[in-house]
């Protein structure tokens, strides 16, 4: 027998993932801004690098979560 999934569960799961992405990006930008000030870097290097790393990791997580085979 195949288990039927409720479309509402998928909607909540992906909405939660969207929230995680927004929070992680906000934290990465804030941390990059503070780190640039602390290291006295004139070019905003970490403000750009940290969110780029976070986006890359979140895309990896999204692909990993959506490609799971359902039993």
PDB file of N, CA and C in Angstrom:
ATOM      1  N   UNK A   1       0.824  -1.187   0.000  1.00  0.00           N
ATOM      2  CA  UNK A   1       0.000   0.000   0.000  1.00  0.00           C
ATOM      3  C   UNK A   1       0.865   1.246   0.000  1.00  0.00           C
ATOM      4  N   UNK A   2       0.459   2.201  -0.792  1.00  0.00           N
ATOM      5  CA  UNK A   2       1.186   3.450  -0.819  1.00  0.00           C
ATOM      6  C   UNK A   2       0.564   4.427   0.162  1.00  0.00           C
ATOM      7  N   UNK A   3       1.413   5.143   0.779  1.00  0.00           N
ATOM      8  CA  UNK A   3       0.978   6.122   1.759  1.00  0.00           C
ATOM      9  C   UNK A   3       0.664   7.432   1.037  1.00  0.00           C
ATOM     10  N   UNK A   4      -0.512   7.981   1.243  1.00  0.00           N
ATOM     11  CA  UNK A   4      -0.878   9.240   0.620  1.00  0.00           C
ATOM     12  C   UNK A   4      -0.397  10.389   1.499  1.00  0.00           C
ATOM     13  N   UNK A   5       0.199  11.380   0.843  1.00  0.00           N
ATOM     14  CA  UNK A   5       0.684  12.527   1.607  1.00  0.00           C
ATOM     15  C   UNK A   5      -0.305  13.670   1.466  1.00  0.00           C
ATOM     16  N   UNK A   6      -0.402  14.419   2.496  1.00  0.00           N
ATOM     17  CA  UNK A   6      -1.269  15.587   2.513  1.00  0.00           C
ATOM     18  C   UNK A   6      -0.512  16.753   1.885  1.00  0.00           C
ATOM     19  N   UNK A   7      -1.081  17.411   0.858  1.00  0.00           N
ATOM     20  CA  UNK A   7      -0.373  18.545   0.239  1.00  0.00           C
ATOM     21  C   UNK A   7      -0.097  19.670   1.232  1.00  0.00           C
ATOM     22  N   UNK A   8      -0.888  19.775   2.283  1.00  0.00           N
ATOM     23  CA  UNK A   8      -0.645  20.802   3.300  1.00  0.00           C
ATOM     24  C   UNK A   8       0.658  20.581   4.036  1.00  0.00           C
ATOM     25  N   UNK A   9       1.048  19.316   4.223  1.00  0.00           N
ATOM     26  CA  UNK A   9       2.318  19.019   4.894  1.00  0.00           C
ATOM     27  C   UNK A   9       3.495  19.505   4.063  1.00  0.00           C
ATOM     28  N   UNK A  10       3.423  19.286   2.738  1.00  0.00           N
ATOM     29  CA  UNK A  10       4.504  19.756   1.867  1.00  0.00           C
ATOM     30  C   UNK A  10       4.578  21.273   1.872  1.00  0.00           C
ATOM     31  N   UNK A  11       3.420  21.922   1.869  1.00  0.00           N
ATOM     32  CA  UNK A  11       3.390  23.376   1.878  1.00  0.00           C
ATOM     33  C   UNK A  11       4.044  23.929   3.148  1.00  0.00           C
ATOM     34  N   UNK A  12       3.720  23.350   4.285  1.00  0.00           N
ATOM     35  CA  UNK A  12       4.317  23.807   5.541  1.00  0.00           C
ATOM     36  C   UNK A  12       5.813  23.533   5.582  1.00  0.00           C
ATOM     37  N   UNK A  13       6.225  22.392   5.023  1.00  0.00           N
ATOM     38  CA  UNK A  13       7.650  22.054   5.033  1.00  0.00           C
ATOM     39  C   UNK A  13       8.451  23.052   4.199  1.00  0.00           C
ATOM     40  N   UNK A  14       7.929  23.384   3.003  1.00  0.00           N
ATOM     41  CA  UNK A  14       8.658  24.317   2.147  1.00  0.00           C
ATOM     42  C   UNK A  14       8.549  25.755   2.642  1.00  0.00           C
ATOM     43  N   UNK A  15       7.463  26.096   3.287  1.00  0.00           N
ATOM     44  CA  UNK A  15       7.359  27.428   3.887  1.00  0.00           C
ATOM     45  C   UNK A  15       8.364  27.552   5.028  1.00  0.00           C
ATOM     46  N   UNK A  16       8.528  26.492   5.792  1.00  0.00           N
ATOM     47  CA  UNK A  16       9.522  26.488   6.862  1.00  0.00           C
ATOM     48  C   UNK A  16      10.928  26.606   6.314  1.00  0.00           C
ATOM     49  N   UNK A  17      11.183  25.957   5.181  1.00  0.00           N
ATOM     50  CA  UNK A  17      12.500  26.049   4.554  1.00  0.00           C
ATOM     51  C   UNK A  17      12.755  27.470   4.056  1.00  0.00           C
ATOM     52  N   UNK A  18      11.725  28.115   3.529  1.00  0.00           N
ATOM     53  CA  UNK A  18      11.866  29.511   3.096  1.00  0.00           C
ATOM     54  C   UNK A  18      12.183  30.425   4.268  1.00  0.00           C
ATOM     55  N   UNK A  19      11.535  30.171   5.390  1.00  0.00           N
ATOM     56  CA  UNK A  19      11.826  30.954   6.591  1.00  0.00           C
ATOM     57  C   UNK A  19      13.247  30.748   7.069  1.00  0.00           C
ATOM     58  N   UNK A  20      13.713  29.506   7.000  1.00  0.00           N
ATOM     59  CA  UNK A  20      15.099  29.215   7.396  1.00  0.00           C
ATOM     60  C   UNK A  20      16.087  29.952   6.502  1.00  0.00           C
ATOM     61  N   UNK A  21      15.801  30.001   5.204  1.00  0.00           N
ATOM     62  CA  UNK A  21      16.692  30.694   4.266  1.00  0.00           C
ATOM     63  C   UNK A  21      16.756  32.178   4.601  1.00  0.00           C
ATOM     64  N   UNK A  22      15.599  32.798   4.838  1.00  0.00           N
ATOM     65  CA  UNK A  22      15.587  34.231   5.160  1.00  0.00           C
ATOM     66  C   UNK A  22      16.325  34.541   6.457  1.00  0.00           C
ATOM     67  N   UNK A  23      16.102  33.738   7.478  1.00  0.00           N
ATOM     68  CA  UNK A  23      16.785  33.962   8.758  1.00  0.00           C
ATOM     69  C   UNK A  23      18.287  33.743   8.612  1.00  0.00           C
ATOM     70  N   UNK A  24      18.682  32.681   7.904  1.00  0.00           N
ATOM     71  CA  UNK A  24      20.106  32.399   7.729  1.00  0.00           C
ATOM     72  C   UNK A  24      20.793  33.507   6.941  1.00  0.00           C
ATOM     73  N   UNK A  25      20.129  34.028   5.911  1.00  0.00           N
ATOM     74  CA  UNK A  25      20.716  35.130   5.145  1.00  0.00           C
ATOM     75  C   UNK A  25      20.839  36.394   5.991  1.00  0.00           C
ATOM     76  N   UNK A  26      19.840  36.671   6.800  1.00  0.00           N
ATOM     77  CA  UNK A  26      19.904  37.837   7.676  1.00  0.00           C
ATOM     78  C   UNK A  26      21.047  37.743   8.670  1.00  0.00           C
ATOM     79  N   UNK A  27      21.204  36.574   9.261  1.00  0.00           N
ATOM     80  CA  UNK A  27      22.297  36.370  10.214  1.00  0.00           C
ATOM     81  C   UNK A  27      23.648  36.464   9.514  1.00  0.00           C
ATOM     82  N   UNK A  28      23.745  35.911   8.292  1.00  0.00           N
ATOM     83  CA  UNK A  28      25.015  35.944   7.557  1.00  0.00           C
ATOM     84  C   UNK A  28      25.399  37.376   7.190  1.00  0.00           C
ATOM     85  N   UNK A  29      24.433  38.169   6.754  1.00  0.00           N
ATOM     86  CA  UNK A  29      24.731  39.571   6.402  1.00  0.00           C
ATOM     87  C   UNK A  29      25.144  40.342   7.654  1.00  0.00           C
ATOM     88  N   UNK A  30      24.426  40.153   8.748  1.00  0.00           N
ATOM     89  CA  UNK A  30      24.765  40.843   9.991  1.00  0.00           C
ATOM     90  C   UNK A  30      26.155  40.435  10.481  1.00  0.00           C
ATOM     91  N   UNK A  31      26.442  39.121  10.463  1.00  0.00           N
ATOM     92  CA  UNK A  31      27.753  38.638  10.914  1.00  0.00           C
ATOM     93  C   UNK A  31      28.863  39.149  10.002  1.00  0.00           C
ATOM     94  N   UNK A  32      28.605  39.172   8.699  1.00  0.00           N
ATOM     95  CA  UNK A  32      29.602  39.690   7.760  1.00  0.00           C
ATOM     96  C   UNK A  32      29.873  41.168   7.967  1.00  0.00           C
ATOM     97  N   UNK A  33      28.811  41.921   8.223  1.00  0.00           N
ATOM     98  CA  UNK A  33      28.970  43.358   8.480  1.00  0.00           C
ATOM     99  C   UNK A  33      29.801  43.608   9.741  1.00  0.00           C
ATOM    100  N   UNK A  34      29.465  42.888  10.805  1.00  0.00           N
ATOM    101  CA  UNK A  34      30.208  43.059  12.055  1.00  0.00           C
ATOM    102  C   UNK A  34      31.657  42.585  11.910  1.00  0.00           C
ATOM    103  N   UNK A  35      31.870  41.481  11.187  1.00  0.00           N
ATOM    104  CA  UNK A  35      33.228  40.970  11.004  1.00  0.00           C
ATOM    105  C   UNK A  35      34.070  41.929  10.161  1.00  0.00           C
ATOM    106  N   UNK A  36      33.468  42.536   9.141  1.00  0.00           N
ATOM    107  CA  UNK A  36      34.194  43.517   8.334  1.00  0.00           C
ATOM    108  C   UNK A  36      34.595  44.724   9.174  1.00  0.00           C
ATOM    109  N   UNK A  37      33.708  45.176  10.046  1.00  0.00           N
ATOM    110  CA  UNK A  37      34.051  46.309  10.921  1.00  0.00           C
ATOM    111  C   UNK A  37      35.138  45.921  11.914  1.00  0.00           C
ATOM    112  N   UNK A  38      35.030  44.695  12.462  1.00  0.00           N
ATOM    113  CA  UNK A  38      35.994  44.236  13.453  1.00  0.00           C
ATOM    114  C   UNK A  38      37.379  44.054  12.839  1.00  0.00           C
ATOM    115  N   UNK A  39      37.427  43.527  11.609  1.00  0.00           N
ATOM    116  CA  UNK A  39      38.710  43.334  10.928  1.00  0.00           C
ATOM    117  C   UNK A  39      39.205  44.587  10.216  1.00  0.00           C
ATOM    118  N   UNK A  40      38.383  45.636  10.214  1.00  0.00           N
ATOM    119  CA  UNK A  40      38.703  46.918   9.578  1.00  0.00           C
ATOM    120  C   UNK A  40      39.037  46.751   8.099  1.00  0.00           C
ATOM    121  N   UNK A  41      38.174  45.990   7.408  1.00  0.00           N
ATOM    122  CA  UNK A  41      38.319  45.800   5.964  1.00  0.00           C
ATOM    123  C   UNK A  41      37.515  46.896   5.277  1.00  0.00           C
ATOM    124  N   UNK A  42      38.174  47.645   4.369  1.00  0.00           N
ATOM    125  CA  UNK A  42      37.475  48.759   3.712  1.00  0.00           C
ATOM    126  C   UNK A  42      36.470  48.260   2.677  1.00  0.00           C
ATOM    127  N   UNK A  43      36.755  47.158   2.012  1.00  0.00           N
ATOM    128  CA  UNK A  43      35.843  46.567   1.040  1.00  0.00           C
ATOM    129  C   UNK A  43      34.935  45.572   1.764  1.00  0.00           C
ATOM    130  N   UNK A  44      33.627  45.585   1.515  1.00  0.00           N
ATOM    131  CA  UNK A  44      32.712  44.687   2.251  1.00  0.00           C
ATOM    132  C   UNK A  44      32.814  43.235   1.783  1.00  0.00           C
ATOM    133  N   UNK A  45      33.932  42.622   2.045  1.00  0.00           N
ATOM    134  CA  UNK A  45      34.201  41.266   1.572  1.00  0.00           C
ATOM    135  C   UNK A  45      33.313  40.227   2.251  1.00  0.00           C
ATOM    136  N   UNK A  46      33.262  40.246   3.564  1.00  0.00           N
ATOM    137  CA  UNK A  46      32.498  39.227   4.285  1.00  0.00           C
ATOM    138  C   UNK A  46      30.992  39.446   4.202  1.00  0.00           C
ATOM    139  N   UNK A  47      30.573  40.680   3.954  1.00  0.00           N
ATOM    140  CA  UNK A  47      29.148  40.946   3.756  1.00  0.00           C
ATOM    141  C   UNK A  47      28.662  40.220   2.501  1.00  0.00           C
ATOM    142  N   UNK A  48      29.540  40.059   1.522  1.00  0.00           N
ATOM    143  CA  UNK A  48      29.185  39.339   0.291  1.00  0.00           C
ATOM    144  C   UNK A  48      29.482  37.852   0.400  1.00  0.00           C
ATOM    145  N   UNK A  49      30.574  37.487   1.030  1.00  0.00           N
ATOM    146  CA  UNK A  49      31.009  36.085   1.047  1.00  0.00           C
ATOM    147  C   UNK A  49      30.140  35.197   1.935  1.00  0.00           C
ATOM    148  N   UNK A  50      29.812  35.645   3.125  1.00  0.00           N
ATOM    149  CA  UNK A  50      29.031  34.805   4.037  1.00  0.00           C
ATOM    150  C   UNK A  50      27.628  34.479   3.501  1.00  0.00           C
ATOM    151  N   UNK A  51      26.873  35.461   2.986  1.00  0.00           N
ATOM    152  CA  UNK A  51      25.566  35.092   2.408  1.00  0.00           C
ATOM    153  C   UNK A  51      25.689  34.179   1.185  1.00  0.00           C
ATOM    154  N   UNK A  52      26.756  34.343   0.399  1.00  0.00           N
ATOM    155  CA  UNK A  52      26.965  33.465  -0.753  1.00  0.00           C
ATOM    156  C   UNK A  52      27.180  32.020  -0.302  1.00  0.00           C
ATOM    157  N   UNK A  53      27.940  31.849   0.765  1.00  0.00           N
ATOM    158  CA  UNK A  53      28.157  30.514   1.325  1.00  0.00           C
ATOM    159  C   UNK A  53      26.846  29.945   1.865  1.00  0.00           C
ATOM    160  N   UNK A  54      26.071  30.786   2.549  1.00  0.00           N
ATOM    161  CA  UNK A  54      24.790  30.336   3.111  1.00  0.00           C
ATOM    162  C   UNK A  54      23.827  29.927   1.999  1.00  0.00           C
ATOM    163  N   UNK A  55      23.752  30.712   0.938  1.00  0.00           N
ATOM    164  CA  UNK A  55      22.866  30.369  -0.181  1.00  0.00           C
ATOM    165  C   UNK A  55      23.296  29.055  -0.814  1.00  0.00           C
ATOM    166  N   UNK A  56      24.591  28.858  -0.979  1.00  0.00           N
ATOM    167  CA  UNK A  56      25.087  27.606  -1.554  1.00  0.00           C
ATOM    168  C   UNK A  56      24.711  26.413  -0.683  1.00  0.00           C
ATOM    169  N   UNK A  57      24.879  26.539   0.610  1.00  0.00           N
ATOM    170  CA  UNK A  57      24.521  25.447   1.521  1.00  0.00           C
ATOM    171  C   UNK A  57      23.014  25.201   1.562  1.00  0.00           C
ATOM    172  N   UNK A  58      22.230  26.252   1.484  1.00  0.00           N
ATOM    173  CA  UNK A  58      20.776  26.080   1.485  1.00  0.00           C
ATOM    174  C   UNK A  58      20.278  25.426   0.196  1.00  0.00           C
ATOM    175  N   UNK A  59      20.888  25.757  -0.928  1.00  0.00           N
ATOM    176  CA  UNK A  59      20.526  25.090  -2.187  1.00  0.00           C
ATOM    177  C   UNK A  59      20.878  23.612  -2.104  1.00  0.00           C
ATOM    178  N   UNK A  60      22.031  23.300  -1.537  1.00  0.00           N
ATOM    179  CA  UNK A  60      22.411  21.895  -1.347  1.00  0.00           C
ATOM    180  C   UNK A  60      21.388  21.180  -0.460  1.00  0.00           C
ATOM    181  N   UNK A  61      20.980  21.830   0.626  1.00  0.00           N
ATOM    182  CA  UNK A  61      20.008  21.232   1.530  1.00  0.00           C
ATOM    183  C   UNK A  61      18.659  21.050   0.836  1.00  0.00           C
ATOM    184  N   UNK A  62      18.249  22.028   0.038  1.00  0.00           N
ATOM    185  CA  UNK A  62      16.986  21.937  -0.685  1.00  0.00           C
ATOM    186  C   UNK A  62      16.994  20.766  -1.661  1.00  0.00           C
ATOM    187  N   UNK A  63      18.085  20.600  -2.398  1.00  0.00           N
ATOM    188  CA  UNK A  63      18.192  19.489  -3.341  1.00  0.00           C
ATOM    189  C   UNK A  63      18.199  18.175  -2.593  1.00  0.00           C
ATOM    190  N   UNK A  64      18.911  18.112  -1.502  1.00  0.00           N
ATOM    191  CA  UNK A  64      18.985  16.881  -0.709  1.00  0.00           C
ATOM    192  C   UNK A  64      17.616  16.513  -0.133  1.00  0.00           C
ATOM    193  N   UNK A  65      16.879  17.501   0.373  1.00  0.00           N
ATOM    194  CA  UNK A  65      15.572  17.236   0.978  1.00  0.00           C
ATOM    195  C   UNK A  65      14.518  16.866  -0.055  1.00  0.00           C
ATOM    196  N   UNK A  66      14.565  17.460  -1.225  1.00  0.00           N
ATOM    197  CA  UNK A  66      13.528  17.202  -2.230  1.00  0.00           C
ATOM    198  C   UNK A  66      13.803  15.969  -3.072  1.00  0.00           C
ATOM    199  N   UNK A  67      15.004  15.467  -3.045  1.00  0.00           N
ATOM    200  CA  UNK A  67      15.313  14.301  -3.865  1.00  0.00           C
ATOM    201  C   UNK A  67      15.189  12.991  -3.093  1.00  0.00           C
ATOM    202  N   UNK A  68      14.741  13.045  -1.846  1.00  0.00           N
ATOM    203  CA  UNK A  68      14.575  11.823  -1.060  1.00  0.00           C
ATOM    204  C   UNK A  68      13.441  11.000  -1.657  1.00  0.00           C
ATOM    205  N   UNK A  69      13.657   9.709  -1.745  1.00  0.00           N
ATOM    206  CA  UNK A  69      12.614   8.818  -2.224  1.00  0.00           C
ATOM    207  C   UNK A  69      11.653   8.539  -1.079  1.00  0.00           C
ATOM    208  N   UNK A  70      10.382   8.706  -1.378  1.00  0.00           N
ATOM    209  CA  UNK A  70       9.366   8.475  -0.352  1.00  0.00           C
ATOM    210  C   UNK A  70       8.993   7.006  -0.350  1.00  0.00           C
ATOM    211  N   UNK A  71       8.844   6.470   0.832  1.00  0.00           N
ATOM    212  CA  UNK A  71       8.502   5.054   0.968  1.00  0.00           C
ATOM    213  C   UNK A  71       7.018   4.870   1.138  1.00  0.00           C
TER     214      UNK A  71
END
